[in-house]
């Protein structure tokens, strides 16, 4: 049976090493030494360094996303309210991602930043897309949303939010971000048959 404490020690070790060193320069041996365990033990829990990083990302952003993953089953809450709550979780996740970068004692290269953001974005979309699509389908069944491609809409929204709520790929000002998000909200309203202003309460950039 896997030792959960040792598992967490491995993740803690990588997170601590990344404060002072780029992920590209960190080896499995470095992680093992930092965790105080043998290198061979690492492979009992993870097949590669990349797998350790994936697990670290899941752990770091699990908390702000956990609530969102439960929303799809809370049918007593209106679909648009649940969508707003899910978007809020997405924003909280992006804020946590940025905080991780700001806590590092070194300058992060563009290459490393893009690599980490790709990992984060992949996790964000894979975790939230099924739940957001389910909420959209429920709204369609209830006659509150009029759209034929719920999975595609969910993915588009999450990609825009995941990219725009931090400036890893696109350097952007808060004003530019707000402008883009307002445009996204307008497209959501028009594309789903809602009246203008229906989703204005989302306030995704605040």
N, C-alpha and C. Protein backbone atom coordinates (compact mmCIF):
# COMPACT_ATOMS: atom_id res chain seq x y z
N UNK A 1 0.85 -1.20 0.00
CA UNK A 1 0.00 0.00 0.00
C UNK A 1 0.89 1.25 0.00
N UNK A 2 0.53 2.23 -0.81
CA UNK A 2 1.32 3.45 -0.90
C UNK A 2 1.27 4.24 0.40
N UNK A 3 2.40 4.82 0.75
CA UNK A 3 2.52 5.66 1.93
C UNK A 3 2.16 7.09 1.54
N UNK A 4 1.00 7.58 2.01
CA UNK A 4 0.55 8.92 1.61
C UNK A 4 1.47 10.01 2.12
N UNK A 5 2.09 9.80 3.28
CA UNK A 5 3.03 10.80 3.80
C UNK A 5 4.25 10.91 2.90
N UNK A 6 4.75 9.77 2.44
CA UNK A 6 5.92 9.79 1.54
C UNK A 6 5.53 10.42 0.20
N UNK A 7 4.32 10.10 -0.27
CA UNK A 7 3.80 10.69 -1.51
C UNK A 7 3.81 12.22 -1.41
N UNK A 8 3.29 12.74 -0.30
CA UNK A 8 3.24 14.18 -0.10
C UNK A 8 4.63 14.77 0.07
N UNK A 9 5.54 14.04 0.68
CA UNK A 9 6.91 14.52 0.83
C UNK A 9 7.58 14.71 -0.52
N UNK A 10 7.27 13.83 -1.45
CA UNK A 10 7.83 13.97 -2.80
C UNK A 10 7.30 15.24 -3.47
N UNK A 11 6.00 15.47 -3.34
CA UNK A 11 5.41 16.68 -3.92
C UNK A 11 5.95 17.93 -3.22
N UNK A 12 6.07 17.87 -1.90
CA UNK A 12 6.61 19.01 -1.15
C UNK A 12 8.03 19.32 -1.61
N UNK A 13 8.81 18.26 -1.84
CA UNK A 13 10.20 18.44 -2.25
C UNK A 13 10.28 19.16 -3.59
N UNK A 14 9.48 18.74 -4.55
CA UNK A 14 9.50 19.39 -5.86
C UNK A 14 9.06 20.85 -5.73
N UNK A 15 8.02 21.10 -4.96
CA UNK A 15 7.55 22.47 -4.80
C UNK A 15 8.61 23.35 -4.18
N UNK A 16 9.33 22.85 -3.20
CA UNK A 16 10.40 23.62 -2.56
C UNK A 16 11.57 23.86 -3.51
N UNK A 17 11.92 22.84 -4.28
CA UNK A 17 13.03 22.98 -5.23
C UNK A 17 12.71 24.02 -6.30
N UNK A 18 11.45 24.10 -6.69
CA UNK A 18 11.06 25.03 -7.76
C UNK A 18 11.11 26.48 -7.33
N UNK A 19 11.25 26.74 -6.04
CA UNK A 19 11.39 28.11 -5.57
C UNK A 19 12.71 28.70 -6.06
N UNK A 20 13.75 27.87 -6.07
CA UNK A 20 15.09 28.35 -6.42
C UNK A 20 15.62 27.83 -7.75
N UNK A 21 14.94 26.86 -8.35
CA UNK A 21 15.47 26.23 -9.56
C UNK A 21 14.35 25.97 -10.55
N UNK A 22 14.66 26.08 -11.84
CA UNK A 22 13.65 25.82 -12.87
C UNK A 22 13.34 24.33 -12.93
N UNK A 23 12.14 24.01 -13.35
CA UNK A 23 11.71 22.62 -13.42
C UNK A 23 12.60 21.83 -14.38
N UNK A 24 13.10 22.49 -15.42
CA UNK A 24 13.95 21.80 -16.39
C UNK A 24 15.26 21.33 -15.76
N UNK A 25 15.74 22.04 -14.75
CA UNK A 25 17.04 21.73 -14.14
C UNK A 25 16.93 20.83 -12.91
N UNK A 26 15.72 20.47 -12.54
CA UNK A 26 15.51 19.61 -11.36
C UNK A 26 15.43 18.16 -11.82
N UNK A 27 16.21 17.30 -11.19
CA UNK A 27 16.21 15.88 -11.55
C UNK A 27 15.44 15.07 -10.52
N UNK A 28 15.12 13.84 -10.87
CA UNK A 28 14.47 12.94 -9.92
C UNK A 28 15.38 12.73 -8.70
N UNK A 29 16.69 12.66 -8.94
CA UNK A 29 17.65 12.52 -7.83
C UNK A 29 17.56 13.71 -6.88
N UNK A 30 17.42 14.92 -7.43
CA UNK A 30 17.28 16.12 -6.60
C UNK A 30 16.02 16.03 -5.73
N UNK A 31 14.93 15.58 -6.34
CA UNK A 31 13.67 15.46 -5.61
C UNK A 31 13.80 14.43 -4.49
N UNK A 32 14.43 13.29 -4.81
CA UNK A 32 14.61 12.25 -3.80
C UNK A 32 15.45 12.74 -2.64
N UNK A 33 16.54 13.45 -2.96
CA UNK A 33 17.41 13.96 -1.90
C UNK A 33 16.68 14.98 -1.02
N UNK A 34 15.91 15.85 -1.65
CA UNK A 34 15.16 16.86 -0.90
C UNK A 34 14.10 16.21 -0.02
N UNK A 35 13.49 15.13 -0.52
CA UNK A 35 12.45 14.43 0.24
C UNK A 35 13.02 13.51 1.29
N UNK A 36 14.32 13.23 1.21
CA UNK A 36 14.96 12.35 2.18
C UNK A 36 14.62 10.89 1.98
N UNK A 37 14.43 10.50 0.71
CA UNK A 37 14.12 9.10 0.40
C UNK A 37 15.02 8.65 -0.75
N UNK A 38 15.09 7.37 -0.97
CA UNK A 38 15.89 6.85 -2.05
C UNK A 38 15.27 7.14 -3.40
N UNK A 39 16.13 7.29 -4.43
CA UNK A 39 15.64 7.58 -5.77
C UNK A 39 14.70 6.48 -6.27
N UNK A 40 15.04 5.22 -5.94
CA UNK A 40 14.21 4.11 -6.37
C UNK A 40 12.80 4.18 -5.81
N UNK A 41 12.66 4.77 -4.62
CA UNK A 41 11.34 4.89 -4.00
C UNK A 41 10.44 5.84 -4.78
N UNK A 42 11.05 6.83 -5.43
CA UNK A 42 10.28 7.78 -6.23
C UNK A 42 9.45 7.04 -7.27
N UNK A 43 10.07 6.05 -7.93
CA UNK A 43 9.42 5.37 -9.04
C UNK A 43 8.34 4.40 -8.57
N UNK A 44 8.26 4.16 -7.28
CA UNK A 44 7.15 3.38 -6.74
C UNK A 44 5.87 4.21 -6.80
N UNK A 45 6.03 5.52 -6.67
CA UNK A 45 4.88 6.43 -6.65
C UNK A 45 4.64 7.12 -7.99
N UNK A 46 5.71 7.40 -8.71
CA UNK A 46 5.60 8.17 -9.96
C UNK A 46 6.51 7.58 -11.04
N UNK A 47 6.03 7.47 -12.27
CA UNK A 47 6.87 6.94 -13.34
C UNK A 47 7.90 7.91 -13.87
N UNK A 48 7.72 9.23 -13.59
CA UNK A 48 8.63 10.22 -14.16
C UNK A 48 8.53 11.53 -13.38
N UNK A 49 9.46 12.43 -13.66
CA UNK A 49 9.41 13.76 -13.05
C UNK A 49 8.16 14.51 -13.50
N UNK A 50 7.79 14.33 -14.76
CA UNK A 50 6.60 15.00 -15.28
C UNK A 50 5.35 14.56 -14.53
N UNK A 51 5.28 13.29 -14.16
CA UNK A 51 4.14 12.79 -13.39
C UNK A 51 4.10 13.41 -12.01
N UNK A 52 5.27 13.67 -11.43
CA UNK A 52 5.32 14.34 -10.12
C UNK A 52 4.79 15.76 -10.26
N UNK A 53 5.19 16.45 -11.32
CA UNK A 53 4.71 17.81 -11.55
C UNK A 53 3.21 17.84 -11.76
N UNK A 54 2.69 16.89 -12.53
CA UNK A 54 1.24 16.81 -12.75
C UNK A 54 0.49 16.63 -11.43
N UNK A 55 1.03 15.76 -10.57
CA UNK A 55 0.40 15.52 -9.27
C UNK A 55 0.48 16.76 -8.39
N UNK A 56 1.58 17.49 -8.49
CA UNK A 56 1.73 18.72 -7.70
C UNK A 56 0.72 19.77 -8.14
N UNK A 57 0.53 19.89 -9.43
CA UNK A 57 -0.46 20.84 -9.95
C UNK A 57 -1.86 20.46 -9.48
N UNK A 58 -2.18 19.17 -9.55
CA UNK A 58 -3.50 18.73 -9.08
C UNK A 58 -3.68 19.07 -7.61
N UNK A 59 -2.67 18.86 -6.80
CA UNK A 59 -2.79 19.13 -5.37
C UNK A 59 -2.92 20.62 -5.09
N UNK A 60 -2.14 21.43 -5.79
CA UNK A 60 -2.14 22.86 -5.53
C UNK A 60 -3.46 23.53 -5.88
N UNK A 61 -4.13 23.03 -6.92
CA UNK A 61 -5.34 23.69 -7.39
C UNK A 61 -6.61 22.89 -7.10
N UNK A 62 -6.48 21.85 -6.31
CA UNK A 62 -7.65 21.03 -6.00
C UNK A 62 -8.67 21.78 -5.17
N UNK A 63 -8.20 22.54 -4.19
CA UNK A 63 -9.12 23.22 -3.28
C UNK A 63 -10.04 24.22 -3.99
N UNK A 64 -9.52 25.16 -4.80
CA UNK A 64 -10.44 26.11 -5.44
C UNK A 64 -11.34 25.49 -6.49
N UNK A 65 -11.02 24.26 -6.95
CA UNK A 65 -11.84 23.62 -7.96
C UNK A 65 -12.84 22.61 -7.39
N UNK A 66 -12.64 22.22 -6.15
CA UNK A 66 -13.47 21.17 -5.58
C UNK A 66 -14.95 21.56 -5.52
N UNK A 67 -15.21 22.80 -5.13
CA UNK A 67 -16.60 23.27 -5.06
C UNK A 67 -17.25 23.23 -6.44
N UNK A 68 -16.48 23.65 -7.45
CA UNK A 68 -17.02 23.68 -8.80
C UNK A 68 -17.41 22.30 -9.28
N UNK A 69 -16.66 21.29 -8.88
CA UNK A 69 -16.92 19.93 -9.34
C UNK A 69 -18.20 19.36 -8.73
N UNK A 70 -18.71 19.99 -7.67
CA UNK A 70 -19.93 19.52 -7.03
C UNK A 70 -21.17 20.25 -7.53
N UNK A 71 -20.97 21.34 -8.27
CA UNK A 71 -22.08 22.20 -8.65
C UNK A 71 -23.04 21.54 -9.65
N UNK A 72 -22.51 20.69 -10.50
CA UNK A 72 -23.34 20.11 -11.55
C UNK A 72 -24.51 19.31 -10.99
N UNK A 73 -24.38 18.79 -9.79
CA UNK A 73 -25.44 17.97 -9.19
C UNK A 73 -26.39 18.78 -8.30
N UNK A 74 -26.11 20.05 -8.12
CA UNK A 74 -26.96 20.88 -7.24
C UNK A 74 -28.05 21.54 -8.08
N UNK A 75 -28.99 20.74 -8.53
CA UNK A 75 -30.01 21.22 -9.45
C UNK A 75 -31.02 22.17 -8.79
N UNK A 76 -30.96 22.31 -7.47
CA UNK A 76 -31.83 23.28 -6.82
C UNK A 76 -31.34 24.70 -7.00
N UNK A 77 -30.10 24.84 -7.49
CA UNK A 77 -29.52 26.16 -7.76
C UNK A 77 -29.67 26.43 -9.26
N UNK A 78 -30.15 27.61 -9.67
CA UNK A 78 -30.33 27.90 -11.10
C UNK A 78 -29.03 27.72 -11.88
N UNK A 79 -29.11 27.28 -13.13
CA UNK A 79 -27.91 27.02 -13.93
C UNK A 79 -26.94 28.19 -14.01
N UNK A 80 -27.47 29.40 -14.20
CA UNK A 80 -26.58 30.54 -14.37
C UNK A 80 -25.89 30.91 -13.07
N UNK A 81 -26.53 30.67 -11.95
CA UNK A 81 -25.88 30.89 -10.66
C UNK A 81 -24.73 29.91 -10.48
N UNK A 82 -24.97 28.66 -10.87
CA UNK A 82 -23.91 27.65 -10.77
C UNK A 82 -22.78 27.95 -11.73
N UNK A 83 -23.10 28.44 -12.92
CA UNK A 83 -22.06 28.83 -13.86
C UNK A 83 -21.21 29.95 -13.28
N UNK A 84 -21.86 30.92 -12.64
CA UNK A 84 -21.13 32.02 -12.03
C UNK A 84 -20.20 31.51 -10.93
N UNK A 85 -20.69 30.56 -10.14
CA UNK A 85 -19.88 29.99 -9.07
C UNK A 85 -18.70 29.21 -9.64
N UNK A 86 -18.93 28.50 -10.75
CA UNK A 86 -17.86 27.76 -11.39
C UNK A 86 -16.82 28.71 -11.98
N UNK A 87 -17.28 29.82 -12.60
CA UNK A 87 -16.35 30.80 -13.14
C UNK A 87 -15.52 31.41 -12.00
N UNK A 88 -16.16 31.61 -10.86
CA UNK A 88 -15.45 32.16 -9.70
C UNK A 88 -14.35 31.20 -9.26
N UNK A 89 -14.64 29.91 -9.29
CA UNK A 89 -13.63 28.91 -8.94
C UNK A 89 -12.48 28.93 -9.94
N UNK A 90 -12.81 29.14 -11.20
CA UNK A 90 -11.80 29.25 -12.23
C UNK A 90 -10.89 30.45 -11.96
N UNK A 91 -11.49 31.57 -11.59
CA UNK A 91 -10.70 32.76 -11.28
C UNK A 91 -9.83 32.54 -10.05
N UNK A 92 -10.38 31.87 -9.03
CA UNK A 92 -9.61 31.57 -7.83
C UNK A 92 -8.43 30.66 -8.15
N UNK A 93 -8.67 29.73 -9.05
CA UNK A 93 -7.60 28.83 -9.46
C UNK A 93 -6.50 29.59 -10.18
N UNK A 94 -6.89 30.52 -11.07
CA UNK A 94 -5.90 31.33 -11.78
C UNK A 94 -5.11 32.20 -10.80
N UNK A 95 -5.80 32.73 -9.78
CA UNK A 95 -5.11 33.54 -8.76
C UNK A 95 -4.10 32.70 -7.99
N UNK A 96 -4.47 31.45 -7.71
CA UNK A 96 -3.55 30.55 -7.00
C UNK A 96 -2.35 30.24 -7.87
N UNK A 97 -2.57 30.08 -9.18
CA UNK A 97 -1.47 29.82 -10.11
C UNK A 97 -0.49 30.98 -10.13
N UNK A 98 -1.01 32.20 -10.20
CA UNK A 98 -0.16 33.39 -10.21
C UNK A 98 0.59 33.54 -8.90
N UNK A 99 -0.06 33.22 -7.78
CA UNK A 99 0.57 33.33 -6.47
C UNK A 99 1.76 32.38 -6.37
N UNK A 100 1.62 31.18 -6.93
CA UNK A 100 2.72 30.23 -6.92
C UNK A 100 3.94 30.83 -7.60
N UNK A 101 3.72 31.53 -8.72
CA UNK A 101 4.84 32.13 -9.44
C UNK A 101 5.46 33.28 -8.69
N UNK A 102 4.63 34.10 -8.04
CA UNK A 102 5.15 35.27 -7.34
C UNK A 102 5.95 34.92 -6.10
N UNK A 103 5.75 33.71 -5.56
CA UNK A 103 6.45 33.32 -4.35
C UNK A 103 7.86 32.79 -4.63
N UNK A 104 8.20 32.59 -5.90
CA UNK A 104 9.52 32.07 -6.22
C UNK A 104 10.58 33.15 -6.04
N UNK A 105 11.76 32.74 -5.58
CA UNK A 105 12.83 33.68 -5.28
C UNK A 105 13.70 33.98 -6.49
N UNK A 106 13.29 33.54 -7.65
CA UNK A 106 14.07 33.72 -8.86
C UNK A 106 13.17 34.22 -9.99
N UNK A 107 13.81 34.63 -11.07
CA UNK A 107 13.07 35.06 -12.24
C UNK A 107 12.69 33.84 -13.08
N UNK A 108 11.42 33.70 -13.35
CA UNK A 108 10.95 32.56 -14.14
C UNK A 108 11.07 32.89 -15.62
N UNK A 109 11.70 32.00 -16.38
CA UNK A 109 11.84 32.23 -17.81
C UNK A 109 10.50 32.08 -18.51
N UNK A 110 10.41 32.68 -19.68
CA UNK A 110 9.17 32.57 -20.46
C UNK A 110 8.89 31.12 -20.82
N UNK A 111 9.95 30.36 -21.13
CA UNK A 111 9.79 28.96 -21.48
C UNK A 111 9.19 28.16 -20.33
N UNK A 112 9.73 28.36 -19.12
CA UNK A 112 9.22 27.63 -17.96
C UNK A 112 7.80 28.06 -17.64
N UNK A 113 7.54 29.37 -17.70
CA UNK A 113 6.22 29.88 -17.40
C UNK A 113 5.18 29.30 -18.35
N UNK A 114 5.51 29.25 -19.65
CA UNK A 114 4.59 28.70 -20.64
C UNK A 114 4.35 27.21 -20.40
N UNK A 115 5.42 26.50 -20.03
CA UNK A 115 5.31 25.06 -19.78
C UNK A 115 4.40 24.78 -18.59
N UNK A 116 4.60 25.53 -17.50
CA UNK A 116 3.78 25.34 -16.31
C UNK A 116 2.34 25.74 -16.57
N UNK A 117 2.16 26.82 -17.33
CA UNK A 117 0.80 27.26 -17.62
C UNK A 117 0.07 26.26 -18.49
N UNK A 118 0.78 25.62 -19.43
CA UNK A 118 0.15 24.59 -20.25
C UNK A 118 -0.33 23.43 -19.38
N UNK A 119 0.49 23.05 -18.40
CA UNK A 119 0.11 21.98 -17.48
C UNK A 119 -1.14 22.39 -16.68
N UNK A 120 -1.11 23.61 -16.16
CA UNK A 120 -2.22 24.12 -15.36
C UNK A 120 -3.50 24.20 -16.20
N UNK A 121 -3.38 24.74 -17.42
CA UNK A 121 -4.56 24.93 -18.26
C UNK A 121 -5.17 23.59 -18.65
N UNK A 122 -4.32 22.62 -18.95
CA UNK A 122 -4.81 21.29 -19.29
C UNK A 122 -5.60 20.69 -18.12
N UNK A 123 -5.08 20.87 -16.91
CA UNK A 123 -5.77 20.36 -15.72
C UNK A 123 -7.09 21.10 -15.51
N UNK A 124 -7.05 22.41 -15.63
CA UNK A 124 -8.25 23.23 -15.43
C UNK A 124 -9.37 22.80 -16.36
N UNK A 125 -9.06 22.67 -17.64
CA UNK A 125 -10.08 22.33 -18.62
C UNK A 125 -10.59 20.90 -18.43
N UNK A 126 -9.66 19.96 -18.21
CA UNK A 126 -10.08 18.57 -18.06
C UNK A 126 -10.95 18.37 -16.83
N UNK A 127 -10.70 19.14 -15.78
CA UNK A 127 -11.47 19.01 -14.55
C UNK A 127 -12.82 19.72 -14.61
N UNK A 128 -12.85 20.89 -15.22
CA UNK A 128 -14.06 21.71 -15.18
C UNK A 128 -14.98 21.52 -16.39
N UNK A 129 -14.44 21.13 -17.53
CA UNK A 129 -15.27 21.03 -18.74
C UNK A 129 -16.47 20.09 -18.56
N UNK A 130 -16.31 18.88 -18.02
CA UNK A 130 -17.48 18.00 -17.88
C UNK A 130 -18.56 18.60 -16.98
N UNK A 131 -18.13 19.30 -15.94
CA UNK A 131 -19.10 19.88 -15.01
C UNK A 131 -19.82 21.09 -15.61
N UNK A 132 -19.07 21.95 -16.29
CA UNK A 132 -19.70 23.10 -16.93
C UNK A 132 -20.63 22.65 -18.05
N UNK A 133 -20.20 21.66 -18.83
CA UNK A 133 -21.05 21.14 -19.92
C UNK A 133 -22.34 20.54 -19.35
N UNK A 134 -22.24 19.88 -18.21
CA UNK A 134 -23.43 19.28 -17.59
C UNK A 134 -24.40 20.37 -17.15
N UNK A 135 -23.88 21.44 -16.58
CA UNK A 135 -24.73 22.56 -16.16
C UNK A 135 -25.42 23.18 -17.36
N UNK A 136 -24.66 23.35 -18.46
CA UNK A 136 -25.23 23.93 -19.68
C UNK A 136 -26.34 23.02 -20.22
N UNK A 137 -26.09 21.71 -20.23
CA UNK A 137 -27.11 20.77 -20.72
C UNK A 137 -28.37 20.83 -19.86
N UNK A 138 -28.19 20.97 -18.56
CA UNK A 138 -29.35 21.08 -17.68
C UNK A 138 -30.14 22.35 -17.99
N UNK A 139 -29.42 23.44 -18.29
CA UNK A 139 -30.10 24.68 -18.67
C UNK A 139 -30.84 24.54 -19.98
N UNK A 140 -30.25 23.77 -20.91
CA UNK A 140 -30.91 23.52 -22.20
C UNK A 140 -32.20 22.72 -21.99
N UNK A 141 -32.11 21.68 -21.18
CA UNK A 141 -33.30 20.86 -20.91
C UNK A 141 -34.41 21.65 -20.23
N UNK A 142 -34.01 22.62 -19.40
CA UNK A 142 -34.99 23.44 -18.70
C UNK A 142 -35.52 24.57 -19.56
N UNK A 143 -34.99 24.71 -20.77
CA UNK A 143 -35.44 25.78 -21.66
C UNK A 143 -34.87 27.13 -21.32
N UNK A 144 -33.84 27.18 -20.45
CA UNK A 144 -33.24 28.45 -20.05
C UNK A 144 -32.05 28.83 -20.91
N UNK A 145 -31.45 27.83 -21.56
CA UNK A 145 -30.31 28.06 -22.44
C UNK A 145 -30.65 27.45 -23.80
N UNK A 146 -30.30 28.18 -24.86
CA UNK A 146 -30.58 27.70 -26.21
C UNK A 146 -29.26 27.60 -26.96
N UNK A 147 -28.72 26.37 -27.00
CA UNK A 147 -27.42 26.16 -27.65
C UNK A 147 -27.27 24.67 -27.94
N UNK A 148 -26.67 24.35 -29.09
CA UNK A 148 -26.62 22.94 -29.52
C UNK A 148 -25.31 22.23 -29.20
N UNK A 149 -24.31 22.95 -28.69
CA UNK A 149 -22.99 22.34 -28.48
C UNK A 149 -22.46 22.65 -27.08
N UNK A 150 -23.04 22.04 -26.05
CA UNK A 150 -22.65 22.38 -24.67
C UNK A 150 -21.19 22.10 -24.35
N UNK A 151 -20.64 20.97 -24.84
CA UNK A 151 -19.23 20.66 -24.55
C UNK A 151 -18.30 21.67 -25.20
N UNK A 152 -18.62 22.05 -26.45
CA UNK A 152 -17.78 23.03 -27.15
C UNK A 152 -17.85 24.38 -26.44
N UNK A 153 -19.05 24.78 -26.03
CA UNK A 153 -19.20 26.06 -25.33
C UNK A 153 -18.42 26.05 -24.02
N UNK A 154 -18.50 24.95 -23.29
CA UNK A 154 -17.77 24.85 -22.03
C UNK A 154 -16.27 24.98 -22.24
N UNK A 155 -15.76 24.31 -23.27
CA UNK A 155 -14.32 24.36 -23.53
C UNK A 155 -13.88 25.76 -23.96
N UNK A 156 -14.65 26.39 -24.82
CA UNK A 156 -14.30 27.74 -25.28
C UNK A 156 -14.23 28.70 -24.10
N UNK A 157 -15.23 28.66 -23.24
CA UNK A 157 -15.27 29.56 -22.08
C UNK A 157 -14.07 29.33 -21.18
N UNK A 158 -13.75 28.07 -20.90
CA UNK A 158 -12.65 27.76 -19.99
C UNK A 158 -11.30 28.13 -20.58
N UNK A 159 -11.13 27.97 -21.89
CA UNK A 159 -9.88 28.37 -22.53
C UNK A 159 -9.68 29.88 -22.41
N UNK A 160 -10.74 30.63 -22.71
CA UNK A 160 -10.63 32.09 -22.63
C UNK A 160 -10.32 32.53 -21.20
N UNK A 161 -11.05 31.97 -20.24
CA UNK A 161 -10.81 32.35 -18.85
C UNK A 161 -9.42 31.93 -18.39
N UNK A 162 -9.04 30.70 -18.72
CA UNK A 162 -7.76 30.20 -18.27
C UNK A 162 -6.58 30.98 -18.81
N UNK A 163 -6.69 31.45 -20.06
CA UNK A 163 -5.62 32.21 -20.68
C UNK A 163 -5.66 33.67 -20.24
N UNK A 164 -6.85 34.24 -20.22
CA UNK A 164 -6.96 35.68 -20.02
C UNK A 164 -6.82 36.11 -18.56
N UNK A 165 -7.13 35.22 -17.63
CA UNK A 165 -7.06 35.61 -16.22
C UNK A 165 -5.64 35.63 -15.67
N UNK A 166 -4.66 35.28 -16.49
CA UNK A 166 -3.27 35.56 -16.15
C UNK A 166 -2.55 35.89 -17.44
N UNK A 167 -1.39 36.51 -17.35
CA UNK A 167 -0.73 37.01 -18.55
C UNK A 167 0.50 36.20 -18.94
N UNK A 168 0.45 34.88 -18.70
CA UNK A 168 1.58 34.04 -19.06
C UNK A 168 1.81 34.02 -20.56
N UNK A 169 0.74 33.84 -21.33
CA UNK A 169 0.86 33.78 -22.79
C UNK A 169 0.70 35.16 -23.42
N UNK A 170 -0.26 35.92 -22.93
CA UNK A 170 -0.57 37.22 -23.50
C UNK A 170 -0.43 38.28 -22.42
N UNK A 171 0.58 39.13 -22.56
CA UNK A 171 0.75 40.21 -21.60
C UNK A 171 -0.45 41.14 -21.72
N UNK A 172 -1.13 41.37 -20.62
CA UNK A 172 -2.37 42.12 -20.68
C UNK A 172 -2.56 42.96 -19.44
N UNK A 173 -3.24 44.07 -19.59
CA UNK A 173 -3.55 44.93 -18.46
C UNK A 173 -4.89 44.51 -17.88
N UNK A 174 -5.19 44.92 -16.63
CA UNK A 174 -6.52 44.62 -16.07
C UNK A 174 -7.65 45.14 -16.94
N UNK A 175 -7.42 46.29 -17.58
CA UNK A 175 -8.46 46.86 -18.44
C UNK A 175 -8.69 46.00 -19.68
N UNK A 176 -7.59 45.50 -20.27
CA UNK A 176 -7.72 44.62 -21.43
C UNK A 176 -8.44 43.32 -21.05
N UNK A 177 -8.09 42.80 -19.88
CA UNK A 177 -8.72 41.57 -19.41
C UNK A 177 -10.22 41.78 -19.22
N UNK A 178 -10.58 42.89 -18.59
CA UNK A 178 -12.00 43.17 -18.36
C UNK A 178 -12.75 43.31 -19.68
N UNK A 179 -12.11 43.96 -20.65
CA UNK A 179 -12.74 44.14 -21.96
C UNK A 179 -13.02 42.80 -22.63
N UNK A 180 -12.03 41.90 -22.56
CA UNK A 180 -12.19 40.58 -23.17
C UNK A 180 -13.28 39.78 -22.47
N UNK A 181 -13.28 39.83 -21.13
CA UNK A 181 -14.28 39.07 -20.38
C UNK A 181 -15.68 39.60 -20.63
N UNK A 182 -15.81 40.91 -20.75
CA UNK A 182 -17.12 41.48 -21.06
C UNK A 182 -17.58 41.02 -22.45
N UNK A 183 -16.64 40.93 -23.38
CA UNK A 183 -16.97 40.42 -24.70
C UNK A 183 -17.41 38.97 -24.64
N UNK A 184 -16.73 38.18 -23.82
CA UNK A 184 -17.10 36.78 -23.65
C UNK A 184 -18.51 36.66 -23.09
N UNK A 185 -18.82 37.46 -22.08
CA UNK A 185 -20.15 37.44 -21.48
C UNK A 185 -21.22 37.81 -22.51
N UNK A 186 -20.91 38.81 -23.33
CA UNK A 186 -21.85 39.22 -24.37
C UNK A 186 -22.09 38.10 -25.38
N UNK A 187 -21.01 37.40 -25.76
CA UNK A 187 -21.16 36.27 -26.67
C UNK A 187 -21.98 35.15 -26.04
N UNK A 188 -21.76 34.90 -24.75
CA UNK A 188 -22.54 33.88 -24.05
C UNK A 188 -24.02 34.23 -24.07
N UNK A 189 -24.32 35.50 -23.83
CA UNK A 189 -25.73 35.93 -23.81
C UNK A 189 -26.37 35.78 -25.19
N UNK A 190 -25.67 36.27 -26.20
CA UNK A 190 -26.24 36.22 -27.55
C UNK A 190 -26.31 34.78 -28.08
N UNK A 191 -25.27 34.01 -27.80
CA UNK A 191 -25.21 32.65 -28.33
C UNK A 191 -26.16 31.68 -27.66
N UNK A 192 -26.60 32.00 -26.45
CA UNK A 192 -27.51 31.10 -25.73
C UNK A 192 -28.92 31.65 -25.64
N UNK A 193 -29.18 32.73 -26.37
CA UNK A 193 -30.53 33.25 -26.43
C UNK A 193 -30.96 34.05 -25.22
N UNK A 194 -30.00 34.59 -24.48
CA UNK A 194 -30.33 35.39 -23.29
C UNK A 194 -30.43 36.86 -23.66
N UNK A 195 -31.19 37.59 -22.87
CA UNK A 195 -31.27 39.02 -23.09
C UNK A 195 -30.00 39.70 -22.60
N UNK A 196 -29.70 40.83 -23.20
CA UNK A 196 -28.47 41.56 -22.85
C UNK A 196 -28.47 41.95 -21.37
N UNK A 197 -27.36 41.71 -20.71
CA UNK A 197 -27.23 42.06 -19.30
C UNK A 197 -27.55 40.94 -18.34
N UNK A 198 -28.04 39.80 -18.87
CA UNK A 198 -28.43 38.69 -18.00
C UNK A 198 -27.26 38.19 -17.16
N UNK A 199 -26.07 38.14 -17.77
CA UNK A 199 -24.90 37.60 -17.09
C UNK A 199 -23.94 38.67 -16.59
N UNK A 200 -24.39 39.92 -16.54
CA UNK A 200 -23.52 41.01 -16.15
C UNK A 200 -23.07 40.90 -14.70
N UNK A 201 -23.80 40.14 -13.90
CA UNK A 201 -23.47 40.01 -12.48
C UNK A 201 -22.26 39.10 -12.24
N UNK A 202 -21.75 38.47 -13.29
CA UNK A 202 -20.65 37.53 -13.09
C UNK A 202 -19.40 38.19 -12.53
N UNK A 203 -19.09 39.43 -12.98
CA UNK A 203 -17.96 40.19 -12.43
C UNK A 203 -16.69 39.34 -12.35
N UNK A 204 -16.31 38.73 -13.44
CA UNK A 204 -15.19 37.80 -13.43
C UNK A 204 -13.86 38.47 -13.19
N UNK A 205 -13.74 39.76 -13.44
CA UNK A 205 -12.44 40.42 -13.31
C UNK A 205 -12.25 41.12 -11.98
N UNK A 206 -13.22 41.08 -11.11
CA UNK A 206 -13.08 41.77 -9.83
C UNK A 206 -12.35 40.92 -8.83
